[in-house]
Amino acid sequence: MKRNLFAIEIETEQHQEFVEITEKIQKKVKESNVEEGIVLVYCPHTTAGITINENADPDVVWDMIDAFNSTFPVQSNYKHFEGNSHAHIKSSVLGNEKTLIITEGHLLLGRWQGIYFCEFDGPRNRKIYVKII
């Protein structure tokens, strides 16, 4: 990969799950030797996304998945032949990238914040990209 562009492999285990990737991103920031800048976390998949949310209580993740499923159920009157329209919708609503601040060589996150890869059509082998500027 080009300088300060990193790929991270993620293997999901559930049909829908949030995988915390904060430490993986922080490790790439450390490897880059960038002390002050930004990091872009990008997901190139149409049935997955990236979010930042509470990482102290795992029930928050469960609640988020439950709320997504209430709003965009797995089974509905979707037309897409692959049967994963719910995952495409959730990905679009959530988004596929986040930009974070790097200060003093560390991610600038709130006390209870973590970065999550959000799987909506697993299990799969996935990849995210991290660009550090």
Protein backbone atom coordinates (compact mmCIF):
# COMPACT_ATOMS: atom_id res chain seq x y z
CA MET A 1 0.00 0.00 0.00
CA LYS A 2 1.02 3.58 -0.47
CA ARG A 3 2.45 5.52 2.42
CA ASN A 4 -0.10 6.06 5.19
CA LEU A 5 -2.75 4.02 3.38
CA PHE A 6 -3.50 0.79 5.23
CA ALA A 7 -5.87 -2.10 4.64
CA ILE A 8 -7.37 -3.99 7.57
CA GLU A 9 -8.98 -7.41 7.17
CA ILE A 10 -12.10 -8.14 9.22
CA GLU A 11 -13.75 -11.54 9.48
CA THR A 12 -17.31 -11.28 10.73
CA GLU A 13 -19.05 -14.19 12.41
CA GLN A 14 -22.72 -13.16 12.53
CA HIS A 15 -25.31 -12.12 9.97
CA GLN A 16 -25.41 -8.72 11.68
CA GLU A 17 -22.79 -7.52 14.13
CA PHE A 18 -20.72 -4.52 15.14
CA VAL A 19 -17.00 -5.20 15.46
CA GLU A 20 -15.02 -2.66 17.44
CA ILE A 21 -11.96 -1.62 15.44
CA THR A 22 -10.68 1.29 17.55
CA GLU A 23 -7.42 -0.41 18.55
CA LYS A 24 -6.73 -1.55 14.97
CA ILE A 25 -7.10 2.04 13.77
CA GLN A 26 -4.96 3.41 16.63
CA LYS A 27 -2.24 0.87 15.72
CA LYS A 28 -2.18 2.19 12.14
CA VAL A 29 -1.97 5.77 13.44
CA LYS A 30 1.05 4.74 15.55
CA GLU A 31 2.68 3.01 12.55
CA SER A 32 2.24 6.16 10.44
CA ASN A 33 4.20 8.34 12.90
CA VAL A 34 1.68 11.14 12.28
CA GLU A 35 1.36 13.22 15.44
CA GLU A 36 -1.19 15.80 14.26
CA GLY A 37 -3.61 15.17 11.42
CA ILE A 38 -6.68 13.24 10.40
CA VAL A 39 -7.53 9.64 9.71
CA LEU A 40 -10.18 8.49 7.26
CA VAL A 41 -11.72 5.06 7.91
CA TYR A 42 -13.44 3.80 4.76
CA CYS A 43 -15.56 0.70 4.11
CA PRO A 44 -15.77 -0.31 0.40
CA HIS A 45 -18.77 -2.63 0.91
CA THR A 46 -22.42 -1.87 0.09
CA THR A 47 -23.84 -4.00 2.90
CA ALA A 48 -21.64 -2.79 5.75
CA GLY A 49 -20.73 0.53 7.35
CA ILE A 50 -18.65 2.44 9.87
CA THR A 51 -19.90 4.22 12.97
CA ILE A 52 -18.63 5.76 16.19
CA ASN A 53 -20.61 5.06 19.32
CA GLU A 54 -20.44 3.97 22.94
CA ASN A 55 -18.01 1.13 23.63
CA ALA A 56 -18.55 0.76 27.40
CA ASP A 57 -21.89 -1.07 27.38
CA PRO A 58 -22.32 -3.86 24.78
CA ASP A 59 -26.09 -3.49 25.08
CA VAL A 60 -25.82 -0.27 23.05
CA VAL A 61 -24.66 -2.32 20.03
CA TRP A 62 -27.53 -4.78 20.55
CA ASP A 63 -29.99 -1.88 20.80
CA MET A 64 -28.65 -0.32 17.61
CA ILE A 65 -28.98 -3.56 15.63
CA ASP A 66 -32.46 -4.09 17.07
CA ALA A 67 -33.50 -0.55 16.10
CA PHE A 68 -32.11 -0.97 12.57
CA ASN A 69 -34.05 -4.25 12.24
CA SER A 70 -37.24 -2.62 13.52
CA THR A 71 -36.89 0.17 10.98
CA PHE A 72 -35.48 -1.93 8.11
CA PRO A 73 -36.50 -5.56 8.72
CA VAL A 74 -34.52 -8.39 7.18
CA GLN A 75 -37.67 -9.69 5.48
CA SER A 76 -40.00 -7.25 3.77
CA ASN A 77 -41.45 -6.52 0.35
CA TYR A 78 -38.02 -5.83 -1.16
CA LYS A 79 -37.45 -6.38 -4.90
CA HIS A 80 -33.68 -6.97 -4.90
CA PHE A 81 -33.15 -10.61 -5.91
CA GLU A 82 -30.23 -11.31 -3.53
CA GLY A 83 -32.43 -10.90 -0.46
CA ASN A 84 -30.15 -8.42 1.30
CA SER A 85 -31.88 -5.12 0.58
CA HIS A 86 -32.15 -4.46 4.31
CA ALA A 87 -28.33 -4.54 4.47
CA HIS A 88 -27.95 -2.08 1.57
CA ILE A 89 -30.40 0.31 3.23
CA LYS A 90 -28.70 0.07 6.66
CA SER A 91 -25.31 0.67 5.04
CA SER A 92 -26.58 3.75 3.21
CA VAL A 93 -28.22 5.19 6.32
CA LEU A 94 -25.19 4.53 8.53
CA GLY A 95 -22.54 5.54 5.99
CA ASN A 96 -19.31 3.96 4.84
CA GLU A 97 -16.69 6.31 6.28
CA LYS A 98 -15.69 8.34 9.30
CA THR A 99 -13.05 11.03 9.65
CA LEU A 100 -11.29 11.44 12.99
CA ILE A 101 -8.74 13.85 14.42
CA ILE A 102 -5.25 12.71 15.40
CA THR A 103 -3.60 14.70 18.16
CA GLU A 104 -0.33 13.87 19.91
CA GLY A 105 -0.25 10.59 17.95
CA HIS A 106 -3.63 9.38 19.24
CA LEU A 107 -7.19 9.29 18.00
CA LEU A 108 -9.27 12.07 19.50
CA LEU A 109 -12.32 10.21 20.81
CA GLY A 110 -14.68 10.82 23.68
CA ARG A 111 -14.28 8.81 26.85
CA TRP A 112 -16.92 6.22 25.90
CA GLN A 113 -16.48 6.29 22.12
CA GLY A 114 -15.28 3.46 19.93
CA ILE A 115 -15.08 2.92 16.18
CA TYR A 116 -17.16 0.06 14.83
CA PHE A 117 -17.28 -1.90 11.60
CA CYS A 118 -20.97 -2.70 11.11
CA GLU A 119 -21.82 -5.93 9.32
CA PHE A 120 -25.34 -6.29 7.94
CA ASP A 121 -24.89 -9.22 5.52
CA GLY A 122 -22.47 -11.65 7.09
CA PRO A 123 -20.68 -13.62 7.97
CA ARG A 124 -18.03 -12.48 5.49
CA ASN A 125 -14.39 -11.62 5.06
CA ARG A 126 -14.27 -7.85 4.76
CA LYS A 127 -11.68 -5.15 4.27
CA ILE A 128 -11.55 -1.53 5.36
CA TYR A 129 -9.07 1.14 4.37
CA VAL A 130 -7.40 3.64 6.64
CA LYS A 131 -5.84 6.80 5.17
CA ILE A 132 -3.77 8.93 7.51
CA ILE A 133 -2.94 12.51 6.58
